[in-house]
Amino acid sequence: MSGWVSLGLLAVLSLGALLAIGRFKGGLWQIAAAAILLGMTGYALQGRPAVPASPAKSLGGKEDAAVQLVEMRADMDQSFGGAKRWLVTADSFAKQGDYQLSASYIQAGLRQNPEDPDLWSALGLQLMLASQGQMSPPAQLAFDKAREIRPNYPAPYYFAGLSRLFDGDLNSAILLWEKAVSLATPRAMWKPRLESQLQAAKALQAQAMNRPEVNSATN
């Protein structure tokens, strides 16, 4: 079995199991779901998915997933001015698991750069992580502000889709991720990663449509 096929199956089966468990257990299962999709794409980017027996790197827990999410957001950043120094430091706090400190540091940066969409997007992500993956009202406001400043900014659509995925709304997640992909520049570093996540999500969607209970309900 090729690396791509085995990897895709692993991602779909694992995420499907987590979505089922998530109906009964709140909290950190949501971060683990992100880890599966993000871990799959990290493997695809680092290497040679067509090479047999080349396993994906294991993501051990919520901290690993949070690091992946921070790096995904950083790849979407479009600022190269003074805001960048705030983001570098805030991201280092987040990678250590201190999301509240990271959010506070970003807010300090926003006082100096109130119209920077990257800072607003980073704030939204840190508030999401601090809420164990939930799109809290403050996080939503931060992403909305980023999109207001730069309407074609992909990060708010991506993280809104991730939030929908955590809530079990796979169809909405796919639509939002498709929107984010449509906003990618030709050389966007994050585009292949999101396309891979989107492929896994669509495979899970197809799997859900083929469940016996779904088919029997439509007959």
N, C-alpha and C. Protein backbone atom coordinates (compact mmCIF):
# COMPACT_ATOMS: atom_id res chain seq x y z
N MET A 1 0.86 -1.20 0.00
CA MET A 1 0.00 0.00 0.00
C MET A 1 0.89 1.24 0.00
N SER A 2 0.57 2.21 -0.83
CA SER A 2 1.40 3.41 -0.93
C SER A 2 1.29 4.24 0.33
N GLY A 3 2.31 5.13 0.52
CA GLY A 3 2.30 6.00 1.68
C GLY A 3 1.09 6.91 1.73
N TRP A 4 0.71 7.48 0.55
CA TRP A 4 -0.45 8.38 0.53
C TRP A 4 -1.72 7.66 0.98
N VAL A 5 -1.94 6.44 0.43
CA VAL A 5 -3.18 5.72 0.73
C VAL A 5 -3.24 5.33 2.20
N SER A 6 -2.15 4.75 2.70
CA SER A 6 -2.15 4.32 4.10
C SER A 6 -2.29 5.50 5.04
N LEU A 7 -1.64 6.60 4.69
CA LEU A 7 -1.71 7.80 5.51
C LEU A 7 -3.12 8.37 5.52
N GLY A 8 -3.75 8.42 4.36
CA GLY A 8 -5.11 8.92 4.28
C GLY A 8 -6.08 8.07 5.08
N LEU A 9 -5.92 6.75 4.98
CA LEU A 9 -6.79 5.86 5.73
C LEU A 9 -6.61 6.06 7.24
N LEU A 10 -5.37 6.19 7.66
CA LEU A 10 -5.10 6.41 9.08
C LEU A 10 -5.75 7.69 9.57
N ALA A 11 -5.61 8.76 8.80
CA ALA A 11 -6.19 10.04 9.21
C ALA A 11 -7.70 9.96 9.30
N VAL A 12 -8.33 9.37 8.29
CA VAL A 12 -9.79 9.30 8.25
C VAL A 12 -10.32 8.43 9.37
N LEU A 13 -9.73 7.25 9.56
CA LEU A 13 -10.20 6.35 10.61
C LEU A 13 -10.00 6.95 11.99
N SER A 14 -8.85 7.56 12.21
CA SER A 14 -8.56 8.15 13.52
C SER A 14 -9.48 9.32 13.81
N LEU A 15 -9.66 10.20 12.82
CA LEU A 15 -10.51 11.35 13.03
C LEU A 15 -11.96 10.92 13.20
N GLY A 16 -12.39 9.90 12.45
CA GLY A 16 -13.74 9.38 12.61
C GLY A 16 -13.99 8.88 14.01
N ALA A 17 -13.01 8.16 14.57
CA ALA A 17 -13.14 7.66 15.94
C ALA A 17 -13.21 8.81 16.93
N LEU A 18 -12.40 9.83 16.73
CA LEU A 18 -12.41 10.97 17.65
C LEU A 18 -13.72 11.73 17.59
N LEU A 19 -14.28 11.87 16.40
CA LEU A 19 -15.56 12.56 16.29
C LEU A 19 -16.65 11.79 17.03
N ALA A 20 -16.59 10.45 16.97
CA ALA A 20 -17.56 9.65 17.70
C ALA A 20 -17.37 9.80 19.21
N ILE A 21 -16.12 9.75 19.67
CA ILE A 21 -15.84 9.91 21.09
C ILE A 21 -16.24 11.29 21.56
N GLY A 22 -16.06 12.25 20.67
CA GLY A 22 -16.35 13.63 21.05
C GLY A 22 -17.80 13.89 21.38
N ARG A 23 -18.69 13.00 20.98
CA ARG A 23 -20.08 13.16 21.35
C ARG A 23 -20.28 12.99 22.86
N PHE A 24 -19.35 12.29 23.48
CA PHE A 24 -19.48 11.98 24.90
C PHE A 24 -18.44 12.67 25.77
N LYS A 25 -17.32 13.04 25.21
CA LYS A 25 -16.24 13.63 26.00
C LYS A 25 -15.88 14.99 25.43
N GLY A 26 -16.01 16.01 26.25
CA GLY A 26 -15.64 17.35 25.80
C GLY A 26 -14.17 17.60 26.00
N GLY A 27 -13.76 18.83 25.68
CA GLY A 27 -12.41 19.23 26.03
C GLY A 27 -11.36 18.88 25.02
N LEU A 28 -10.33 18.17 25.47
CA LEU A 28 -9.10 18.09 24.71
C LEU A 28 -9.16 17.14 23.53
N TRP A 29 -10.24 16.37 23.36
CA TRP A 29 -10.33 15.54 22.17
C TRP A 29 -10.29 16.40 20.91
N GLN A 30 -10.74 17.63 21.03
CA GLN A 30 -10.79 18.52 19.87
C GLN A 30 -9.38 18.86 19.39
N ILE A 31 -8.48 19.12 20.33
CA ILE A 31 -7.10 19.40 19.97
C ILE A 31 -6.47 18.16 19.34
N ALA A 32 -6.83 16.98 19.85
CA ALA A 32 -6.29 15.74 19.27
C ALA A 32 -6.77 15.56 17.83
N ALA A 33 -8.01 15.95 17.54
CA ALA A 33 -8.51 15.86 16.17
C ALA A 33 -7.68 16.71 15.24
N ALA A 34 -7.35 17.90 15.69
CA ALA A 34 -6.49 18.76 14.88
C ALA A 34 -5.12 18.12 14.69
N ALA A 35 -4.64 17.46 15.72
CA ALA A 35 -3.31 16.83 15.63
C ALA A 35 -3.27 15.78 14.54
N ILE A 36 -4.36 15.04 14.40
CA ILE A 36 -4.37 13.99 13.38
C ILE A 36 -4.29 14.58 11.98
N LEU A 37 -5.12 15.58 11.71
CA LEU A 37 -5.08 16.21 10.39
C LEU A 37 -3.76 16.94 10.16
N LEU A 38 -3.31 17.68 11.16
CA LEU A 38 -2.08 18.44 11.00
C LEU A 38 -0.87 17.54 10.96
N GLY A 39 -0.90 16.46 11.72
CA GLY A 39 0.21 15.52 11.68
C GLY A 39 0.31 14.84 10.32
N MET A 40 -0.84 14.53 9.74
CA MET A 40 -0.85 13.92 8.43
C MET A 40 -0.20 14.84 7.40
N THR A 41 -0.55 16.13 7.45
CA THR A 41 -0.01 17.03 6.45
C THR A 41 1.45 17.35 6.71
N GLY A 42 1.85 17.34 7.98
CA GLY A 42 3.26 17.54 8.27
C GLY A 42 4.09 16.44 7.65
N TYR A 43 3.60 15.23 7.71
CA TYR A 43 4.29 14.10 7.08
C TYR A 43 4.35 14.29 5.56
N ALA A 44 3.25 14.74 4.99
CA ALA A 44 3.22 14.91 3.54
C ALA A 44 4.21 15.96 3.09
N LEU A 45 4.34 17.04 3.87
CA LEU A 45 5.24 18.12 3.48
C LEU A 45 6.70 17.75 3.68
N GLN A 46 6.98 17.02 4.77
CA GLN A 46 8.37 16.72 5.09
C GLN A 46 8.96 15.71 4.14
N GLY A 47 8.05 14.86 3.57
CA GLY A 47 8.76 13.83 2.94
C GLY A 47 8.27 13.27 1.67
N ARG A 48 8.23 12.00 1.72
CA ARG A 48 8.03 11.24 0.50
C ARG A 48 6.85 10.33 0.74
N PRO A 49 5.63 10.85 0.62
CA PRO A 49 4.48 10.03 0.95
C PRO A 49 4.32 8.82 0.06
N ALA A 50 4.96 8.80 -1.09
CA ALA A 50 4.85 7.65 -1.97
C ALA A 50 5.80 6.53 -1.58
N VAL A 51 6.70 6.78 -0.66
CA VAL A 51 7.67 5.76 -0.25
C VAL A 51 7.02 4.83 0.75
N PRO A 52 6.98 3.52 0.49
CA PRO A 52 6.35 2.59 1.42
C PRO A 52 7.06 2.59 2.77
N ALA A 53 6.28 2.28 3.80
CA ALA A 53 6.81 2.08 5.15
C ALA A 53 7.53 3.31 5.69
N SER A 54 7.06 4.49 5.31
CA SER A 54 7.62 5.73 5.87
C SER A 54 6.56 6.37 6.74
N PRO A 55 6.53 6.04 8.03
CA PRO A 55 5.39 6.43 8.86
C PRO A 55 5.37 7.91 9.18
N ALA A 56 4.18 8.41 9.47
CA ALA A 56 4.04 9.79 9.92
C ALA A 56 4.60 9.91 11.32
N LYS A 57 5.13 11.08 11.61
CA LYS A 57 5.62 11.33 12.95
C LYS A 57 4.44 11.42 13.91
N SER A 58 4.56 10.73 15.03
CA SER A 58 3.49 10.71 16.01
C SER A 58 3.39 12.06 16.71
N LEU A 59 2.15 12.50 16.92
CA LEU A 59 1.92 13.71 17.70
C LEU A 59 1.43 13.28 19.07
N GLY A 60 2.20 13.59 20.09
CA GLY A 60 1.96 13.00 21.39
C GLY A 60 0.80 13.56 22.17
N GLY A 61 0.40 14.79 21.97
CA GLY A 61 -0.66 15.35 22.80
C GLY A 61 -1.08 16.71 22.32
N LYS A 62 -1.85 17.36 23.19
CA LYS A 62 -2.44 18.64 22.79
C LYS A 62 -1.39 19.71 22.54
N GLU A 63 -0.26 19.65 23.28
CA GLU A 63 0.78 20.65 23.05
C GLU A 63 1.36 20.53 21.65
N ASP A 64 1.56 19.29 21.18
CA ASP A 64 2.07 19.09 19.82
C ASP A 64 1.09 19.66 18.80
N ALA A 65 -0.19 19.40 19.01
CA ALA A 65 -1.19 19.91 18.07
C ALA A 65 -1.22 21.42 18.08
N ALA A 66 -1.11 22.02 19.27
CA ALA A 66 -1.12 23.48 19.36
C ALA A 66 0.06 24.08 18.61
N VAL A 67 1.23 23.44 18.72
CA VAL A 67 2.40 23.92 17.98
C VAL A 67 2.13 23.88 16.49
N GLN A 68 1.52 22.79 16.02
CA GLN A 68 1.20 22.67 14.60
C GLN A 68 0.24 23.78 14.16
N LEU A 69 -0.74 24.08 15.00
CA LEU A 69 -1.70 25.13 14.65
C LEU A 69 -1.04 26.50 14.62
N VAL A 70 -0.16 26.76 15.57
CA VAL A 70 0.57 28.03 15.58
C VAL A 70 1.41 28.16 14.32
N GLU A 71 2.07 27.08 13.93
CA GLU A 71 2.91 27.13 12.73
C GLU A 71 2.07 27.30 11.47
N MET A 72 0.89 26.68 11.45
CA MET A 72 -0.01 26.86 10.31
C MET A 72 -0.42 28.33 10.19
N ARG A 73 -0.78 28.93 11.33
CA ARG A 73 -1.16 30.34 11.30
C ARG A 73 0.00 31.23 10.89
N ALA A 74 1.20 30.92 11.38
CA ALA A 74 2.37 31.71 11.02
C ALA A 74 2.63 31.66 9.52
N ASP A 75 2.39 30.50 8.91
CA ASP A 75 2.57 30.39 7.46
C ASP A 75 1.58 31.27 6.70
N MET A 76 0.44 31.56 7.32
CA MET A 76 -0.58 32.40 6.68
C MET A 76 -0.34 33.89 6.91
N ASP A 77 0.57 34.22 7.83
CA ASP A 77 0.83 35.63 8.12
C ASP A 77 1.27 36.38 6.86
N GLN A 78 0.87 37.63 6.79
CA GLN A 78 1.22 38.45 5.64
C GLN A 78 1.92 39.74 6.04
N SER A 79 2.26 39.86 7.32
CA SER A 79 2.94 41.07 7.81
C SER A 79 4.44 40.87 7.82
N PHE A 80 5.15 41.90 7.45
CA PHE A 80 6.61 41.85 7.48
C PHE A 80 7.19 43.09 8.17
N GLY A 81 6.32 43.82 8.87
CA GLY A 81 6.76 45.04 9.54
C GLY A 81 6.95 44.84 11.03
N GLY A 82 6.59 45.87 11.80
CA GLY A 82 6.82 45.85 13.23
C GLY A 82 6.02 44.79 13.96
N ALA A 83 4.89 44.37 13.40
CA ALA A 83 4.06 43.38 14.08
C ALA A 83 4.74 42.02 14.18
N LYS A 84 5.68 41.78 13.28
CA LYS A 84 6.30 40.45 13.24
C LYS A 84 7.03 40.12 14.54
N ARG A 85 7.65 41.11 15.14
CA ARG A 85 8.40 40.82 16.37
C ARG A 85 7.47 40.43 17.51
N TRP A 86 6.26 40.98 17.51
CA TRP A 86 5.29 40.58 18.52
C TRP A 86 4.85 39.14 18.30
N LEU A 87 4.69 38.77 17.04
CA LEU A 87 4.22 37.43 16.72
C LEU A 87 5.26 36.37 17.07
N VAL A 88 6.52 36.66 16.81
CA VAL A 88 7.57 35.69 17.10
C VAL A 88 7.61 35.36 18.59
N THR A 89 7.55 36.39 19.42
CA THR A 89 7.58 36.17 20.87
C THR A 89 6.30 35.50 21.35
N ALA A 90 5.15 35.96 20.86
CA ALA A 90 3.87 35.37 21.27
C ALA A 90 3.81 33.90 20.88
N ASP A 91 4.30 33.57 19.69
CA ASP A 91 4.29 32.18 19.25
C ASP A 91 5.16 31.31 20.15
N SER A 92 6.26 31.86 20.63
CA SER A 92 7.13 31.07 21.52
C SER A 92 6.41 30.77 22.83
N PHE A 93 5.64 31.71 23.35
CA PHE A 93 4.84 31.46 24.55
C PHE A 93 3.80 30.37 24.29
N ALA A 94 3.14 30.47 23.13
CA ALA A 94 2.09 29.50 22.80
C ALA A 94 2.67 28.09 22.66
N LYS A 95 3.85 27.99 22.06
CA LYS A 95 4.45 26.67 21.88
C LYS A 95 4.86 26.03 23.20
N GLN A 96 4.97 26.86 24.25
CA GLN A 96 5.24 26.35 25.59
C GLN A 96 3.95 26.07 26.36
N GLY A 97 2.82 26.32 25.70
CA GLY A 97 1.53 26.02 26.32
C GLY A 97 0.92 27.16 27.11
N ASP A 98 1.55 28.34 27.09
CA ASP A 98 1.01 29.48 27.85
C ASP A 98 0.22 30.37 26.89
N TYR A 99 -1.02 29.97 26.62
CA TYR A 99 -1.84 30.67 25.63
C TYR A 99 -2.32 32.02 26.16
N GLN A 100 -2.58 32.10 27.45
CA GLN A 100 -3.03 33.37 28.02
C GLN A 100 -1.92 34.42 27.94
N LEU A 101 -0.69 34.03 28.26
CA LEU A 101 0.42 34.97 28.16
C LEU A 101 0.64 35.38 26.71
N SER A 102 0.52 34.43 25.82
CA SER A 102 0.66 34.73 24.39
C SER A 102 -0.40 35.74 23.95
N ALA A 103 -1.65 35.50 24.37
CA ALA A 103 -2.74 36.42 24.01
C ALA A 103 -2.49 37.82 24.58
N SER A 104 -2.01 37.88 25.81
CA SER A 104 -1.73 39.18 26.44
C SER A 104 -0.64 39.92 25.69
N TYR A 105 0.37 39.17 25.25
CA TYR A 105 1.48 39.80 24.51
C TYR A 105 0.99 40.32 23.16
N ILE A 106 0.13 39.56 22.50
CA ILE A 106 -0.42 40.01 21.23
C ILE A 106 -1.28 41.26 21.42
N GLN A 107 -2.04 41.29 22.50
CA GLN A 107 -2.86 42.48 22.77
C GLN A 107 -1.99 43.72 22.96
N ALA A 108 -0.82 43.54 23.57
CA ALA A 108 0.12 44.66 23.69
C ALA A 108 0.58 45.12 22.31
N GLY A 109 0.82 44.17 21.42
CA GLY A 109 1.20 44.51 20.06
C GLY A 109 0.10 45.22 19.32
N LEU A 110 -1.15 44.82 19.59
CA LEU A 110 -2.28 45.46 18.93
C LEU A 110 -2.47 46.91 19.36
N ARG A 111 -2.03 47.22 20.56
CA ARG A 111 -2.13 48.63 20.99
C ARG A 111 -1.22 49.52 20.15
N GLN A 112 -0.16 48.93 19.62
CA GLN A 112 0.74 49.68 18.75
C GLN A 112 0.41 49.50 17.26
N ASN A 113 -0.22 48.38 16.95
CA ASN A 113 -0.53 48.05 15.55
C ASN A 113 -1.99 47.60 15.45
N PRO A 114 -2.95 48.48 15.70
CA PRO A 114 -4.35 48.06 15.79
C PRO A 114 -4.97 47.61 14.48
N GLU A 115 -4.32 47.88 13.36
CA GLU A 115 -4.88 47.51 12.07
C GLU A 115 -4.10 46.38 11.41
N ASP A 116 -3.43 45.58 12.20
CA ASP A 116 -2.65 44.48 11.64
C ASP A 116 -3.46 43.18 11.71
N PRO A 117 -3.87 42.62 10.56
CA PRO A 117 -4.72 41.42 10.59
C PRO A 117 -4.00 40.19 11.12
N ASP A 118 -2.68 40.11 10.95
CA ASP A 118 -1.96 38.95 11.47
C ASP A 118 -2.02 38.91 13.00
N LEU A 119 -1.90 40.06 13.63
CA LEU A 119 -2.00 40.10 15.08
C LEU A 119 -3.41 39.73 15.55
N TRP A 120 -4.42 40.20 14.84
CA TRP A 120 -5.79 39.85 15.21
C TRP A 120 -6.04 38.34 15.02
N SER A 121 -5.53 37.79 13.94
CA SER A 121 -5.69 36.36 13.70
C SER A 121 -4.96 35.54 14.76
N ALA A 122 -3.74 35.97 15.10
CA ALA A 122 -2.98 35.28 16.14
C ALA A 122 -3.71 35.34 17.48
N LEU A 123 -4.31 36.49 17.78
CA LEU A 123 -5.07 36.61 19.02
C LEU A 123 -6.25 35.64 19.02
N GLY A 124 -6.95 35.56 17.88
CA GLY A 124 -8.06 34.62 17.79
C GLY A 124 -7.63 33.19 18.05
N LEU A 125 -6.50 32.79 17.48
CA LEU A 125 -6.03 31.42 17.69
C LEU A 125 -5.67 31.18 19.15
N GLN A 126 -4.96 32.12 19.77
CA GLN A 126 -4.58 31.91 21.18
C GLN A 126 -5.80 31.82 22.08
N LEU A 127 -6.82 32.60 21.77
CA LEU A 127 -8.05 32.53 22.55
C LEU A 127 -8.78 31.20 22.31
N MET A 128 -8.70 30.69 21.10
CA MET A 128 -9.25 29.36 20.82
C MET A 128 -8.51 28.29 21.63
N LEU A 129 -7.19 28.34 21.60
CA LEU A 129 -6.40 27.34 22.32
C LEU A 129 -6.65 27.43 23.83
N ALA A 130 -6.78 28.65 24.33
CA ALA A 130 -7.06 28.82 25.75
C ALA A 130 -8.42 28.26 26.13
N SER A 131 -9.32 28.16 25.15
CA SER A 131 -10.67 27.61 25.37
C SER A 131 -10.77 26.17 24.90
N GLN A 132 -9.63 25.48 24.81
CA GLN A 132 -9.56 24.08 24.40
C GLN A 132 -10.20 23.86 23.03
N GLY A 133 -9.92 24.77 22.13
CA GLY A 133 -10.35 24.58 20.76
C GLY A 133 -11.71 25.17 20.42
N GLN A 134 -12.41 25.70 21.42
CA GLN A 134 -13.73 26.28 21.16
C GLN A 134 -13.58 27.68 20.57
N MET A 135 -14.49 28.00 19.65
CA MET A 135 -14.52 29.35 19.09
C MET A 135 -15.32 30.23 20.04
N SER A 136 -14.64 30.76 21.05
CA SER A 136 -15.30 31.62 22.03
C SER A 136 -15.67 32.94 21.38
N PRO A 137 -16.62 33.68 21.96
CA PRO A 137 -16.96 34.99 21.39
C PRO A 137 -15.77 35.92 21.21
N PRO A 138 -14.84 36.01 22.19
CA PRO A 138 -13.67 36.88 21.96
C PRO A 138 -12.81 36.40 20.80
N ALA A 139 -12.65 35.08 20.65
CA ALA A 139 -11.88 34.56 19.52
C ALA A 139 -12.56 34.91 18.20
N GLN A 140 -13.88 34.75 18.17
CA GLN A 140 -14.62 35.07 16.95
C GLN A 140 -14.49 36.55 16.59
N LEU A 141 -14.55 37.41 17.60
CA LEU A 141 -14.39 38.84 17.36
C LEU A 141 -13.02 39.16 16.78
N ALA A 142 -12.00 38.48 17.29
CA ALA A 142 -10.64 38.72 16.79
C ALA A 142 -10.51 38.31 15.33
N PHE A 143 -11.05 37.14 14.99
CA PHE A 143 -10.99 36.70 13.59
C PHE A 143 -11.83 37.60 12.69
N ASP A 144 -12.98 38.04 13.19
CA ASP A 144 -13.82 38.95 12.42
C ASP A 144 -13.09 40.26 12.13
N LYS A 145 -12.34 40.73 13.12
CA LYS A 145 -11.59 41.98 12.94
C LYS A 145 -10.50 41.79 11.88
N ALA A 146 -9.83 40.64 11.91
CA ALA A 146 -8.80 40.36 10.90
C ALA A 146 -9.41 40.35 9.51
N ARG A 147 -10.58 39.75 9.38
CA ARG A 147 -11.23 39.68 8.06
C ARG A 147 -11.76 41.05 7.64
N GLU A 148 -12.18 41.86 8.59
CA GLU A 148 -12.64 43.20 8.27
C GLU A 148 -11.50 44.06 7.71
N ILE A 149 -10.33 43.91 8.30
CA ILE A 149 -9.18 44.70 7.85
C ILE A 149 -8.70 44.21 6.48
N ARG A 150 -8.69 42.89 6.31
CA ARG A 150 -8.21 42.32 5.05
C ARG A 150 -9.20 41.24 4.61
N PRO A 151 -10.20 41.59 3.79
CA PRO A 151 -11.28 40.65 3.43
C PRO A 151 -10.80 39.35 2.79
N ASN A 152 -9.69 39.39 2.06
CA ASN A 152 -9.20 38.18 1.39
C ASN A 152 -8.15 37.45 2.22
N TYR A 153 -8.19 37.62 3.50
CA TYR A 153 -7.24 36.98 4.41
C TYR A 153 -7.71 35.56 4.72
N PRO A 154 -6.93 34.53 4.43
CA PRO A 154 -7.41 33.15 4.56
C PRO A 154 -7.50 32.62 5.98
N ALA A 155 -6.67 33.12 6.90
CA ALA A 155 -6.60 32.52 8.23
C ALA A 155 -7.95 32.47 8.95
N PRO A 156 -8.75 33.54 8.96
CA PRO A 156 -10.04 33.45 9.66
C PRO A 156 -10.94 32.34 9.12
N TYR A 157 -10.92 32.12 7.80
CA TYR A 157 -11.73 31.06 7.22
C TYR A 157 -11.21 29.69 7.64
N TYR A 158 -9.89 29.58 7.68
CA TYR A 158 -9.31 28.30 8.05
C TYR A 158 -9.68 27.92 9.49
N PHE A 159 -9.50 28.85 10.42
CA PHE A 159 -9.75 28.52 11.82
C PHE A 159 -11.23 28.43 12.13
N ALA A 160 -12.06 29.18 11.40
CA ALA A 160 -13.51 28.99 11.54
C ALA A 160 -13.89 27.58 11.10
N GLY A 161 -13.26 27.10 10.02
CA GLY A 161 -13.52 25.73 9.57
C GLY A 161 -13.07 24.71 10.59
N LEU A 162 -11.92 24.95 11.21
CA LEU A 162 -11.43 24.05 12.23
C LEU A 162 -12.39 24.00 13.41
N SER A 163 -12.93 25.16 13.78
CA SER A 163 -13.90 25.21 14.87
C SER A 163 -15.16 24.41 14.52
N ARG A 164 -15.61 24.53 13.26
CA ARG A 164 -16.78 23.76 12.83
C ARG A 164 -16.48 22.26 12.88
N LEU A 165 -15.27 21.89 12.52
CA LEU A 165 -14.86 20.49 12.60
C LEU A 165 -14.94 20.00 14.04
N PHE A 166 -14.44 20.80 14.97
CA PHE A 166 -14.48 20.43 16.38
C PHE A 166 -15.92 20.25 16.86
N ASP A 167 -16.84 21.05 16.29
CA ASP A 167 -18.24 20.98 16.69
C ASP A 167 -18.98 19.84 15.98
N GLY A 168 -18.30 19.13 15.10
CA GLY A 168 -18.91 18.02 14.38
C GLY A 168 -19.63 18.44 13.12
N ASP A 169 -19.50 19.71 12.71
CA ASP A 169 -20.15 20.20 11.49
C ASP A 169 -19.16 20.10 10.34
N LEU A 170 -19.01 18.90 9.83
CA LEU A 170 -18.00 18.64 8.81
C LEU A 170 -18.30 19.37 7.51
N ASN A 171 -19.57 19.45 7.13
CA ASN A 171 -19.92 20.10 5.87
C ASN A 171 -19.52 21.58 5.87
N SER A 172 -19.80 22.27 6.96
CA SER A 172 -19.41 23.68 7.05
C SER A 172 -17.90 23.84 7.09
N ALA A 173 -17.22 22.92 7.77
CA ALA A 173 -15.76 22.96 7.81
C ALA A 173 -15.17 22.88 6.41
N ILE A 174 -15.70 21.98 5.62
CA ILE A 174 -15.20 21.81 4.25
C ILE A 174 -15.43 23.06 3.43
N LEU A 175 -16.60 23.66 3.54
CA LEU A 175 -16.90 24.88 2.78
C LEU A 175 -15.94 26.01 3.16
N LEU A 176 -15.69 26.16 4.44
CA LEU A 176 -14.79 27.22 4.89
C LEU A 176 -13.35 26.96 4.46
N TRP A 177 -12.93 25.71 4.50
CA TRP A 177 -11.57 25.39 4.05
C TRP A 177 -11.41 25.58 2.55
N GLU A 178 -12.47 25.27 1.81
CA GLU A 178 -12.42 25.52 0.37
C GLU A 178 -12.28 27.03 0.10
N LYS A 179 -12.96 27.83 0.89
CA LYS A 179 -12.83 29.28 0.74
C LYS A 179 -11.40 29.72 1.05
N ALA A 180 -10.82 29.17 2.11
CA ALA A 180 -9.44 29.53 2.46
C ALA A 180 -8.48 29.15 1.34
N VAL A 181 -8.64 27.98 0.77
CA VAL A 181 -7.77 27.54 -0.32
C VAL A 181 -7.90 28.48 -1.51
N SER A 182 -9.12 28.94 -1.77
CA SER A 182 -9.34 29.82 -2.93
C SER A 182 -8.62 31.16 -2.77
N LEU A 183 -8.27 31.51 -1.53
CA LEU A 183 -7.60 32.79 -1.26
C LEU A 183 -6.08 32.65 -1.24
N ALA A 184 -5.58 31.45 -1.45
CA ALA A 184 -4.13 31.23 -1.39
C ALA A 184 -3.43 31.86 -2.58
N THR A 185 -2.26 32.41 -2.31
CA THR A 185 -1.40 32.88 -3.39
C THR A 185 -0.71 31.67 -4.02
N PRO A 186 -0.20 31.80 -5.24
CA PRO A 186 0.38 30.63 -5.92
C PRO A 186 1.50 29.95 -5.12
N ARG A 187 2.27 30.71 -4.37
CA ARG A 187 3.40 30.12 -3.63
C ARG A 187 3.14 30.01 -2.13
N ALA A 188 1.89 30.05 -1.72
CA ALA A 188 1.57 29.97 -0.30
C ALA A 188 2.09 28.66 0.29
N MET A 189 2.92 28.76 1.34
CA MET A 189 3.51 27.58 1.95
C MET A 189 2.45 26.68 2.60
N TRP A 190 1.37 27.27 3.05
CA TRP A 190 0.36 26.52 3.78
C TRP A 190 -0.64 25.82 2.88
N LYS A 191 -0.67 26.18 1.60
CA LYS A 191 -1.71 25.65 0.73
C LYS A 191 -1.67 24.13 0.59
N PRO A 192 -0.50 23.51 0.34
CA PRO A 192 -0.50 22.04 0.24
C PRO A 192 -0.97 21.37 1.52
N ARG A 193 -0.65 21.96 2.67
CA ARG A 193 -1.06 21.39 3.95
C ARG A 193 -2.58 21.42 4.08
N LEU A 194 -3.18 22.56 3.75
CA LEU A 194 -4.63 22.66 3.85
C LEU A 194 -5.31 21.79 2.81
N GLU A 195 -4.77 21.71 1.62
CA GLU A 195 -5.36 20.84 0.61
C GLU A 195 -5.37 19.39 1.08
N SER A 196 -4.32 18.99 1.78
CA SER A 196 -4.26 17.63 2.30
C SER A 196 -5.29 17.43 3.41
N GLN A 197 -5.44 18.41 4.28
CA GLN A 197 -6.47 18.35 5.32
C GLN A 197 -7.86 18.28 4.70
N LEU A 198 -8.06 19.07 3.67
CA LEU A 198 -9.35 19.11 2.99
C LEU A 198 -9.67 17.76 2.36
N GLN A 199 -8.66 17.14 1.79
CA GLN A 199 -8.85 15.82 1.19
C GLN A 199 -9.27 14.80 2.26
N ALA A 200 -8.62 14.85 3.42
CA ALA A 200 -8.97 13.94 4.51
C ALA A 200 -10.38 14.21 5.02
N ALA A 201 -10.76 15.48 5.13
CA ALA A 201 -12.09 15.83 5.61
C ALA A 201 -13.16 15.35 4.62
N LYS A 202 -12.89 15.49 3.34
CA LYS A 202 -13.85 15.03 2.34
C LYS A 202 -13.97 13.51 2.35
N ALA A 203 -12.87 12.82 2.61
CA ALA A 203 -12.93 11.37 2.72
C ALA A 203 -13.77 10.96 3.92
N LEU A 204 -13.64 11.68 5.02
CA LEU A 204 -14.46 11.41 6.20
C LEU A 204 -15.93 11.71 5.90
N GLN A 205 -16.17 12.78 5.14
CA GLN A 205 -17.54 13.11 4.76
C GLN A 205 -18.17 11.98 3.94
N ALA A 206 -17.40 11.45 3.00
CA ALA A 206 -17.90 10.34 2.18
C ALA A 206 -18.15 9.10 3.03
N GLN A 207 -17.26 8.87 3.99
CA GLN A 207 -17.42 7.74 4.90
C GLN A 207 -18.71 7.88 5.70
N ALA A 208 -18.99 9.09 6.18
CA ALA A 208 -20.21 9.33 6.96
C ALA A 208 -21.45 9.13 6.10
N MET A 209 -21.40 9.53 4.84
CA MET A 209 -22.55 9.37 3.96
C MET A 209 -22.85 7.91 3.66
N ASN A 210 -21.83 7.07 3.77
CA ASN A 210 -22.00 5.65 3.45
C ASN A 210 -22.31 4.79 4.66
N ARG A 211 -22.51 5.40 5.82
CA ARG A 211 -22.87 4.63 7.00
C ARG A 211 -24.23 3.98 6.80
N PRO A 212 -24.40 2.76 7.31
CA PRO A 212 -25.69 2.09 7.15
C PRO A 212 -26.87 2.88 7.69
N GLU A 213 -26.68 3.55 8.87
CA GLU A 213 -27.80 4.29 9.44
C GLU A 213 -28.18 5.47 8.57
N VAL A 214 -27.18 6.08 7.88
CA VAL A 214 -27.49 7.19 6.98
C VAL A 214 -28.26 6.69 5.78
N ASN A 215 -27.79 5.57 5.22
CA ASN A 215 -28.45 5.02 4.03
C ASN A 215 -29.86 4.58 4.35
N SER A 216 -30.07 3.92 5.54
CA SER A 216 -31.39 3.45 5.88
C SER A 216 -32.35 4.60 6.14
N ALA A 217 -31.78 5.71 6.65
CA ALA A 217 -32.65 6.87 6.93
C ALA A 217 -33.14 7.52 5.65
N THR A 218 -32.35 7.36 4.58
CA THR A 218 -32.74 8.01 3.32
C THR A 218 -33.67 7.11 2.49
N ASN A 219 -33.82 5.83 2.90
CA ASN A 219 -34.68 4.92 2.13
C ASN A 219 -36.13 5.07 2.55
